[in-house]
Amino acid sequence: MKNLAWILSGVAILEAVVMMALPYVSPRQTFLGVRTGAEFRASQSGRKVLLQCWGQVIGWSVLTLALLLRVGGLSDRLAAWLAILPIVGR
């Protein structure tokens, strides 16, 4: 189980990195899945929304890592579901 926890922790970190990079690989007129226009991304409101999104991703990822590494005795199935918590939580 300990080995699985480390592998799933790596998966959770990779999920967080991908979710934080998504706004930069989407089309300019789309921001976090919403059509906003190209200028919204660089505005103060756009930066505020991006920081809030990153805060949620980091928060859920830290919670997931803490649960995976600290809570012992989890079944493999429960640990695997726990690893997708950052995606579901956001």
PDB file of N, CA and C in Angstrom:
ATOM      1  N   MET A   1       0.820  -1.195   0.000  1.00  0.00           N
ATOM      2  CA  MET A   1       0.000   0.000   0.000  1.00  0.00           C
ATOM      3  C   MET A   1       0.859   1.252   0.000  1.00  0.00           C
ATOM      4  N   LYS A   2       1.967   1.217   0.721  1.00  0.00           N
ATOM      5  CA  LYS A   2       2.800   2.410   0.790  1.00  0.00           C
ATOM      6  C   LYS A   2       3.349   2.778  -0.589  1.00  0.00           C
ATOM      7  N   ASN A   3       3.719   1.757  -1.363  1.00  0.00           N
ATOM      8  CA  ASN A   3       4.206   2.001  -2.712  1.00  0.00           C
ATOM      9  C   ASN A   3       3.099   2.603  -3.574  1.00  0.00           C
ATOM     10  N   LEU A   4       1.875   2.103  -3.440  1.00  0.00           N
ATOM     11  CA  LEU A   4       0.744   2.622  -4.190  1.00  0.00           C
ATOM     12  C   LEU A   4       0.461   4.069  -3.810  1.00  0.00           C
ATOM     13  N   ALA A   5       0.611   4.399  -2.536  1.00  0.00           N
ATOM     14  CA  ALA A   5       0.379   5.776  -2.090  1.00  0.00           C
ATOM     15  C   ALA A   5       1.356   6.732  -2.756  1.00  0.00           C
ATOM     16  N   TRP A   6       2.602   6.321  -2.896  1.00  0.00           N
ATOM     17  CA  TRP A   6       3.587   7.191  -3.552  1.00  0.00           C
ATOM     18  C   TRP A   6       3.278   7.336  -5.036  1.00  0.00           C
ATOM     19  N   ILE A   7       2.851   6.284  -5.686  1.00  0.00           N
ATOM     20  CA  ILE A   7       2.508   6.351  -7.105  1.00  0.00           C
ATOM     21  C   ILE A   7       1.294   7.258  -7.305  1.00  0.00           C
ATOM     22  N   LEU A   8       0.270   7.077  -6.476  1.00  0.00           N
ATOM     23  CA  LEU A   8      -0.924   7.908  -6.596  1.00  0.00           C
ATOM     24  C   LEU A   8      -0.642   9.358  -6.211  1.00  0.00           C
ATOM     25  N   SER A   9       0.310   9.586  -5.336  1.00  0.00           N
ATOM     26  CA  SER A   9       0.710  10.958  -5.020  1.00  0.00           C
ATOM     27  C   SER A   9       1.323  11.626  -6.246  1.00  0.00           C
ATOM     28  N   GLY A  10       2.131  10.884  -6.984  1.00  0.00           N
ATOM     29  CA  GLY A  10       2.685  11.411  -8.230  1.00  0.00           C
ATOM     30  C   GLY A  10       1.599  11.720  -9.242  1.00  0.00           C
ATOM     31  N   VAL A  11       0.586  10.872  -9.296  1.00  0.00           N
ATOM     32  CA  VAL A  11      -0.545  11.110 -10.191  1.00  0.00           C
ATOM     33  C   VAL A  11      -1.283  12.381  -9.788  1.00  0.00           C
ATOM     34  N   ALA A  12      -1.500  12.578  -8.495  1.00  0.00           N
ATOM     35  CA  ALA A  12      -2.197  13.772  -8.014  1.00  0.00           C
ATOM     36  C   ALA A  12      -1.401  15.044  -8.329  1.00  0.00           C
ATOM     37  N   ILE A  13      -0.090  14.977  -8.209  1.00  0.00           N
ATOM     38  CA  ILE A  13       0.749  16.136  -8.545  1.00  0.00           C
ATOM     39  C   ILE A  13       0.680  16.420 -10.044  1.00  0.00           C
ATOM     40  N   LEU A  14       0.733  15.384 -10.852  1.00  0.00           N
ATOM     41  CA  LEU A  14       0.622  15.561 -12.303  1.00  0.00           C
ATOM     42  C   LEU A  14      -0.726  16.163 -12.676  1.00  0.00           C
ATOM     43  N   GLU A  15      -1.796  15.717 -12.039  1.00  0.00           N
ATOM     44  CA  GLU A  15      -3.119  16.294 -12.278  1.00  0.00           C
ATOM     45  C   GLU A  15      -3.113  17.786 -11.971  1.00  0.00           C
ATOM     46  N   ALA A  16      -2.514  18.169 -10.854  1.00  0.00           N
ATOM     47  CA  ALA A  16      -2.480  19.578 -10.464  1.00  0.00           C
ATOM     48  C   ALA A  16      -1.711  20.410 -11.481  1.00  0.00           C
ATOM     49  N   VAL A  17      -0.588  19.898 -11.939  1.00  0.00           N
ATOM     50  CA  VAL A  17       0.212  20.635 -12.930  1.00  0.00           C
ATOM     51  C   VAL A  17      -0.574  20.819 -14.223  1.00  0.00           C
ATOM     52  N   VAL A  18      -1.239  19.780 -14.663  1.00  0.00           N
ATOM     53  CA  VAL A  18      -2.017  19.867 -15.904  1.00  0.00           C
ATOM     54  C   VAL A  18      -3.173  20.850 -15.742  1.00  0.00           C
ATOM     55  N   MET A  19      -3.880  20.784 -14.610  1.00  0.00           N
ATOM     56  CA  MET A  19      -5.005  21.701 -14.402  1.00  0.00           C
ATOM     57  C   MET A  19      -4.547  23.153 -14.314  1.00  0.00           C
ATOM     58  N   MET A  20      -3.356  23.384 -13.782  1.00  0.00           N
ATOM     59  CA  MET A  20      -2.851  24.755 -13.702  1.00  0.00           C
ATOM     60  C   MET A  20      -2.367  25.257 -15.061  1.00  0.00           C
ATOM     61  N   ALA A  21      -2.002  24.352 -15.960  1.00  0.00           N
ATOM     62  CA  ALA A  21      -1.522  24.755 -17.280  1.00  0.00           C
ATOM     63  C   ALA A  21      -2.653  24.912 -18.293  1.00  0.00           C
ATOM     64  N   LEU A  22      -3.820  24.374 -18.022  1.00  0.00           N
ATOM     65  CA  LEU A  22      -4.917  24.400 -18.987  1.00  0.00           C
ATOM     66  C   LEU A  22      -5.300  25.800 -19.479  1.00  0.00           C
ATOM     67  N   PRO A  23      -5.339  26.829 -18.628  1.00  0.00           N
ATOM     68  CA  PRO A  23      -5.698  28.152 -19.150  1.00  0.00           C
ATOM     69  C   PRO A  23      -4.717  28.668 -20.218  1.00  0.00           C
ATOM     70  N   TYR A  24      -3.502  28.178 -20.215  1.00  0.00           N
ATOM     71  CA  TYR A  24      -2.510  28.660 -21.165  1.00  0.00           C
ATOM     72  C   TYR A  24      -2.520  27.910 -22.492  1.00  0.00           C
ATOM     73  N   VAL A  25      -3.173  26.766 -22.540  1.00  0.00           N
ATOM     74  CA  VAL A  25      -3.220  26.003 -23.789  1.00  0.00           C
ATOM     75  C   VAL A  25      -4.588  26.087 -24.462  1.00  0.00           C
ATOM     76  N   SER A  26      -5.538  26.772 -23.843  1.00  0.00           N
ATOM     77  CA  SER A  26      -6.853  26.935 -24.449  1.00  0.00           C
ATOM     78  C   SER A  26      -6.813  28.100 -25.445  1.00  0.00           C
ATOM     79  N   PRO A  27      -7.785  28.153 -26.352  1.00  0.00           N
ATOM     80  CA  PRO A  27      -7.839  29.283 -27.297  1.00  0.00           C
ATOM     81  C   PRO A  27      -7.956  30.615 -26.558  1.00  0.00           C
ATOM     82  N   ARG A  28      -7.468  31.683 -27.168  1.00  0.00           N
ATOM     83  CA  ARG A  28      -7.425  32.998 -26.514  1.00  0.00           C
ATOM     84  C   ARG A  28      -8.804  33.509 -26.117  1.00  0.00           C
ATOM     85  N   GLN A  29      -9.825  33.216 -26.911  1.00  0.00           N
ATOM     86  CA  GLN A  29     -11.158  33.735 -26.604  1.00  0.00           C
ATOM     87  C   GLN A  29     -11.882  32.902 -25.542  1.00  0.00           C
ATOM     88  N   THR A  30     -11.302  31.789 -25.144  1.00  0.00           N
ATOM     89  CA  THR A  30     -11.882  30.923 -24.115  1.00  0.00           C
ATOM     90  C   THR A  30     -10.994  30.948 -22.877  1.00  0.00           C
ATOM     91  N   PHE A  31     -11.608  31.212 -21.737  1.00  0.00           N
ATOM     92  CA  PHE A  31     -10.857  31.267 -20.487  1.00  0.00           C
ATOM     93  C   PHE A  31     -11.520  30.345 -19.481  1.00  0.00           C
ATOM     94  N   LEU A  32     -10.827  29.280 -19.087  1.00  0.00           N
ATOM     95  CA  LEU A  32     -11.336  28.279 -18.151  1.00  0.00           C
ATOM     96  C   LEU A  32     -12.666  27.693 -18.618  1.00  0.00           C
ATOM     97  N   GLY A  33     -12.778  27.474 -19.914  1.00  0.00           N
ATOM     98  CA  GLY A  33     -13.954  26.836 -20.483  1.00  0.00           C
ATOM     99  C   GLY A  33     -15.106  27.766 -20.787  1.00  0.00           C
ATOM    100  N   VAL A  34     -14.935  29.064 -20.608  1.00  0.00           N
ATOM    101  CA  VAL A  34     -15.998  30.034 -20.845  1.00  0.00           C
ATOM    102  C   VAL A  34     -15.537  31.008 -21.921  1.00  0.00           C
ATOM    103  N   ARG A  35     -16.408  31.289 -22.886  1.00  0.00           N
ATOM    104  CA  ARG A  35     -16.065  32.285 -23.911  1.00  0.00           C
ATOM    105  C   ARG A  35     -16.120  33.675 -23.286  1.00  0.00           C
ATOM    106  N   THR A  36     -14.978  34.323 -23.204  1.00  0.00           N
ATOM    107  CA  THR A  36     -14.900  35.630 -22.550  1.00  0.00           C
ATOM    108  C   THR A  36     -14.331  36.708 -23.463  1.00  0.00           C
ATOM    109  N   GLY A  37     -13.691  36.335 -24.520  1.00  0.00           N
ATOM    110  CA  GLY A  37     -12.980  37.299 -25.350  1.00  0.00           C
ATOM    111  C   GLY A  37     -11.507  37.286 -24.981  1.00  0.00           C
ATOM    112  N   ALA A  38     -10.679  37.658 -25.920  1.00  0.00           N
ATOM    113  CA  ALA A  38      -9.234  37.571 -25.716  1.00  0.00           C
ATOM    114  C   ALA A  38      -8.719  38.548 -24.664  1.00  0.00           C
ATOM    115  N   GLU A  39      -9.374  39.693 -24.490  1.00  0.00           N
ATOM    116  CA  GLU A  39      -8.856  40.708 -23.572  1.00  0.00           C
ATOM    117  C   GLU A  39      -9.144  40.400 -22.103  1.00  0.00           C
ATOM    118  N   PHE A  40     -10.110  39.541 -21.806  1.00  0.00           N
ATOM    119  CA  PHE A  40     -10.434  39.234 -20.409  1.00  0.00           C
ATOM    120  C   PHE A  40      -9.279  38.541 -19.696  1.00  0.00           C
ATOM    121  N   ARG A  41      -8.569  37.713 -20.408  1.00  0.00           N
ATOM    122  CA  ARG A  41      -7.467  36.943 -19.830  1.00  0.00           C
ATOM    123  C   ARG A  41      -6.412  37.851 -19.191  1.00  0.00           C
ATOM    124  N   ALA A  42      -6.149  39.004 -19.784  1.00  0.00           N
ATOM    125  CA  ALA A  42      -5.116  39.907 -19.280  1.00  0.00           C
ATOM    126  C   ALA A  42      -5.660  40.961 -18.317  1.00  0.00           C
ATOM    127  N   SER A  43      -6.969  41.008 -18.124  1.00  0.00           N
ATOM    128  CA  SER A  43      -7.555  42.021 -17.246  1.00  0.00           C
ATOM    129  C   SER A  43      -7.345  41.656 -15.773  1.00  0.00           C
ATOM    130  N   GLN A  44      -7.632  42.617 -14.918  1.00  0.00           N
ATOM    131  CA  GLN A  44      -7.489  42.379 -13.478  1.00  0.00           C
ATOM    132  C   GLN A  44      -8.470  41.300 -13.016  1.00  0.00           C
ATOM    133  N   SER A  45      -9.683  41.319 -13.542  1.00  0.00           N
ATOM    134  CA  SER A  45     -10.670  40.292 -13.177  1.00  0.00           C
ATOM    135  C   SER A  45     -10.217  38.912 -13.635  1.00  0.00           C
ATOM    136  N   GLY A  46      -9.640  38.828 -14.813  1.00  0.00           N
ATOM    137  CA  GLY A  46      -9.153  37.559 -15.327  1.00  0.00           C
ATOM    138  C   GLY A  46      -8.033  36.991 -14.467  1.00  0.00           C
ATOM    139  N   ARG A  47      -7.111  37.849 -14.051  1.00  0.00           N
ATOM    140  CA  ARG A  47      -6.020  37.396 -13.185  1.00  0.00           C
ATOM    141  C   ARG A  47      -6.544  36.939 -11.826  1.00  0.00           C
ATOM    142  N   LYS A  48      -7.572  37.639 -11.319  1.00  0.00           N
ATOM    143  CA  LYS A  48      -8.157  37.262 -10.039  1.00  0.00           C
ATOM    144  C   LYS A  48      -8.831  35.891 -10.141  1.00  0.00           C
ATOM    145  N   VAL A  49      -9.560  35.655 -11.219  1.00  0.00           N
ATOM    146  CA  VAL A  49     -10.206  34.354 -11.423  1.00  0.00           C
ATOM    147  C   VAL A  49      -9.160  33.254 -11.549  1.00  0.00           C
ATOM    148  N   LEU A  50      -8.073  33.528 -12.272  1.00  0.00           N
ATOM    149  CA  LEU A  50      -7.015  32.537 -12.431  1.00  0.00           C
ATOM    150  C   LEU A  50      -6.365  32.192 -11.096  1.00  0.00           C
ATOM    151  N   LEU A  51      -6.111  33.181 -10.264  1.00  0.00           N
ATOM    152  CA  LEU A  51      -5.520  32.923  -8.947  1.00  0.00           C
ATOM    153  C   LEU A  51      -6.464  32.131  -8.047  1.00  0.00           C
ATOM    154  N   GLN A  52      -7.767  32.418  -8.130  1.00  0.00           N
ATOM    155  CA  GLN A  52      -8.734  31.638  -7.361  1.00  0.00           C
ATOM    156  C   GLN A  52      -8.764  30.190  -7.825  1.00  0.00           C
ATOM    157  N   CYS A  53      -8.705  29.986  -9.126  1.00  0.00           N
ATOM    158  CA  CYS A  53      -8.683  28.635  -9.690  1.00  0.00           C
ATOM    159  C   CYS A  53      -7.435  27.897  -9.229  1.00  0.00           C
ATOM    160  N   TRP A  54      -6.292  28.527  -9.310  1.00  0.00           N
ATOM    161  CA  TRP A  54      -5.047  27.903  -8.861  1.00  0.00           C
ATOM    162  C   TRP A  54      -5.094  27.593  -7.373  1.00  0.00           C
ATOM    163  N   GLY A  55      -5.693  28.486  -6.579  1.00  0.00           N
ATOM    164  CA  GLY A  55      -5.821  28.239  -5.145  1.00  0.00           C
ATOM    165  C   GLY A  55      -6.636  26.994  -4.854  1.00  0.00           C
ATOM    166  N   GLN A  56      -7.719  26.814  -5.601  1.00  0.00           N
ATOM    167  CA  GLN A  56      -8.528  25.612  -5.418  1.00  0.00           C
ATOM    168  C   GLN A  56      -7.767  24.362  -5.824  1.00  0.00           C
ATOM    169  N   VAL A  57      -7.059  24.436  -6.937  1.00  0.00           N
ATOM    170  CA  VAL A  57      -6.291  23.276  -7.398  1.00  0.00           C
ATOM    171  C   VAL A  57      -5.220  22.909  -6.373  1.00  0.00           C
ATOM    172  N   ILE A  58      -4.505  23.892  -5.879  1.00  0.00           N
ATOM    173  CA  ILE A  58      -3.453  23.633  -4.893  1.00  0.00           C
ATOM    174  C   ILE A  58      -4.051  23.110  -3.594  1.00  0.00           C
ATOM    175  N   GLY A  59      -5.149  23.703  -3.149  1.00  0.00           N
ATOM    176  CA  GLY A  59      -5.780  23.258  -1.913  1.00  0.00           C
ATOM    177  C   GLY A  59      -6.244  21.810  -1.974  1.00  0.00           C
ATOM    178  N   TRP A  60      -6.948  21.454  -3.044  1.00  0.00           N
ATOM    179  CA  TRP A  60      -7.422  20.076  -3.185  1.00  0.00           C
ATOM    180  C   TRP A  60      -6.256  19.107  -3.357  1.00  0.00           C
ATOM    181  N   SER A  61      -5.212  19.548  -4.033  1.00  0.00           N
ATOM    182  CA  SER A  61      -4.052  18.668  -4.236  1.00  0.00           C
ATOM    183  C   SER A  61      -3.312  18.424  -2.928  1.00  0.00           C
ATOM    184  N   VAL A  62      -3.149  19.460  -2.124  1.00  0.00           N
ATOM    185  CA  VAL A  62      -2.487  19.300  -0.826  1.00  0.00           C
ATOM    186  C   VAL A  62      -3.311  18.389   0.084  1.00  0.00           C
ATOM    187  N   LEU A  63      -4.630  18.562   0.075  1.00  0.00           N
ATOM    188  CA  LEU A  63      -5.493  17.692   0.870  1.00  0.00           C
ATOM    189  C   LEU A  63      -5.364  16.240   0.414  1.00  0.00           C
ATOM    190  N   THR A  64      -5.354  16.028  -0.887  1.00  0.00           N
ATOM    191  CA  THR A  64      -5.212  14.675  -1.423  1.00  0.00           C
ATOM    192  C   THR A  64      -3.881  14.058  -1.017  1.00  0.00           C
ATOM    193  N   LEU A  65      -2.798  14.814  -1.176  1.00  0.00           N
ATOM    194  CA  LEU A  65      -1.479  14.290  -0.806  1.00  0.00           C
ATOM    195  C   LEU A  65      -1.404  13.965   0.684  1.00  0.00           C
ATOM    196  N   ALA A  66      -1.960  14.838   1.506  1.00  0.00           N
ATOM    197  CA  ALA A  66      -1.935  14.588   2.947  1.00  0.00           C
ATOM    198  C   ALA A  66      -2.712  13.316   3.297  1.00  0.00           C
ATOM    199  N   LEU A  67      -3.865  13.144   2.691  1.00  0.00           N
ATOM    200  CA  LEU A  67      -4.661  11.948   2.977  1.00  0.00           C
ATOM    201  C   LEU A  67      -3.984  10.680   2.461  1.00  0.00           C
ATOM    202  N   LEU A  68      -3.409  10.769   1.264  1.00  0.00           N
ATOM    203  CA  LEU A  68      -2.756   9.585   0.703  1.00  0.00           C
ATOM    204  C   LEU A  68      -1.544   9.152   1.521  1.00  0.00           C
ATOM    205  N   LEU A  69      -0.760  10.108   1.985  1.00  0.00           N
ATOM    206  CA  LEU A  69       0.489   9.774   2.665  1.00  0.00           C
ATOM    207  C   LEU A  69       0.340   9.574   4.175  1.00  0.00           C
ATOM    208  N   ARG A  70      -0.694  10.144   4.785  1.00  0.00           N
ATOM    209  CA  ARG A  70      -0.834  10.064   6.239  1.00  0.00           C
ATOM    210  C   ARG A  70      -1.803   8.987   6.698  1.00  0.00           C
ATOM    211  N   VAL A  71      -2.847   8.766   5.928  1.00  0.00           N
ATOM    212  CA  VAL A  71      -3.862   7.812   6.353  1.00  0.00           C
ATOM    213  C   VAL A  71      -3.432   6.427   5.899  1.00  0.00           C
ATOM    214  N   GLY A  72      -3.154   5.572   6.830  1.00  0.00           N
ATOM    215  CA  GLY A  72      -2.735   4.215   6.492  1.00  0.00           C
ATOM    216  C   GLY A  72      -3.922   3.270   6.458  1.00  0.00           C
ATOM    217  N   GLY A  73      -3.736   2.156   5.835  1.00  0.00           N
ATOM    218  CA  GLY A  73      -4.755   1.124   5.829  1.00  0.00           C
ATOM    219  C   GLY A  73      -5.883   1.334   4.843  1.00  0.00           C
ATOM    220  N   LEU A  74      -5.722   2.237   3.908  1.00  0.00           N
ATOM    221  CA  LEU A  74      -6.761   2.427   2.897  1.00  0.00           C
ATOM    222  C   LEU A  74      -6.741   1.259   1.918  1.00  0.00           C
ATOM    223  N   SER A  75      -7.901   0.885   1.465  1.00  0.00           N
ATOM    224  CA  SER A  75      -7.928  -0.138   0.420  1.00  0.00           C
ATOM    225  C   SER A  75      -7.389   0.475  -0.872  1.00  0.00           C
ATOM    226  N   ASP A  76      -6.934  -0.359  -1.770  1.00  0.00           N
ATOM    227  CA  ASP A  76      -6.384   0.137  -3.032  1.00  0.00           C
ATOM    228  C   ASP A  76      -7.436   0.898  -3.833  1.00  0.00           C
ATOM    229  N   ARG A  77      -8.650   0.403  -3.800  1.00  0.00           N
ATOM    230  CA  ARG A  77      -9.729   1.055  -4.553  1.00  0.00           C
ATOM    231  C   ARG A  77     -10.035   2.441  -3.992  1.00  0.00           C
ATOM    232  N   LEU A  78     -10.109   2.561  -2.677  1.00  0.00           N
ATOM    233  CA  LEU A  78     -10.369   3.852  -2.052  1.00  0.00           C
ATOM    234  C   LEU A  78      -9.215   4.823  -2.304  1.00  0.00           C
ATOM    235  N   ALA A  79      -8.001   4.338  -2.248  1.00  0.00           N
ATOM    236  CA  ALA A  79      -6.840   5.191  -2.517  1.00  0.00           C
ATOM    237  C   ALA A  79      -6.860   5.687  -3.957  1.00  0.00           C
ATOM    238  N   ALA A  80      -7.265   4.847  -4.892  1.00  0.00           N
ATOM    239  CA  ALA A  80      -7.335   5.265  -6.292  1.00  0.00           C
ATOM    240  C   ALA A  80      -8.407   6.339  -6.484  1.00  0.00           C
ATOM    241  N   TRP A  81      -9.539   6.197  -5.821  1.00  0.00           N
ATOM    242  CA  TRP A  81     -10.582   7.223  -5.904  1.00  0.00           C
ATOM    243  C   TRP A  81     -10.118   8.507  -5.237  1.00  0.00           C
ATOM    244  N   LEU A  82      -9.366   8.385  -4.192  1.00  0.00           N
ATOM    245  CA  LEU A  82      -8.855   9.567  -3.492  1.00  0.00           C
ATOM    246  C   LEU A  82      -7.900  10.353  -4.380  1.00  0.00           C
ATOM    247  N   ALA A  83      -7.189   9.683  -5.249  1.00  0.00           N
ATOM    248  CA  ALA A  83      -6.217  10.356  -6.120  1.00  0.00           C
ATOM    249  C   ALA A  83      -6.884  11.285  -7.120  1.00  0.00           C
ATOM    250  N   ILE A  84      -8.161  11.069  -7.435  1.00  0.00           N
ATOM    251  CA  ILE A  84      -8.837  11.970  -8.381  1.00  0.00           C
ATOM    252  C   ILE A  84      -9.596  13.087  -7.673  1.00  0.00           C
ATOM    253  N   LEU A  85      -9.424  13.209  -6.366  1.00  0.00           N
ATOM    254  CA  LEU A  85     -10.082  14.255  -5.595  1.00  0.00           C
ATOM    255  C   LEU A  85      -9.799  15.665  -6.122  1.00  0.00           C
ATOM    256  N   PRO A  86      -8.584  16.005  -6.569  1.00  0.00           N
ATOM    257  CA  PRO A  86      -8.375  17.359  -7.095  1.00  0.00           C
ATOM    258  C   PRO A  86      -9.241  17.674  -8.316  1.00  0.00           C
ATOM    259  N   ILE A  87      -9.502  16.679  -9.142  1.00  0.00           N
ATOM    260  CA  ILE A  87     -10.337  16.910 -10.332  1.00  0.00           C
ATOM    261  C   ILE A  87     -11.796  17.061  -9.918  1.00  0.00           C
ATOM    262  N   VAL A  88     -12.256  16.188  -9.049  1.00  0.00           N
ATOM    263  CA  VAL A  88     -13.649  16.213  -8.625  1.00  0.00           C
ATOM    264  C   VAL A  88     -13.922  17.434  -7.744  1.00  0.00           C
ATOM    265  N   GLY A  89     -12.990  17.778  -6.887  1.00  0.00           N
ATOM    266  CA  GLY A  89     -13.177  18.891  -5.967  1.00  0.00           C
ATOM    267  C   GLY A  89     -13.229  20.241  -6.631  1.00  0.00           C
ATOM    268  N   ARG A  90     -12.532  20.394  -7.715  1.00  0.00           N
ATOM    269  CA  ARG A  90     -12.503  21.667  -8.412  1.00  0.00           C
ATOM    270  C   ARG A  90     -13.739  21.767  -9.228  1.00  0.00           C
TER     271      ARG A  90
END
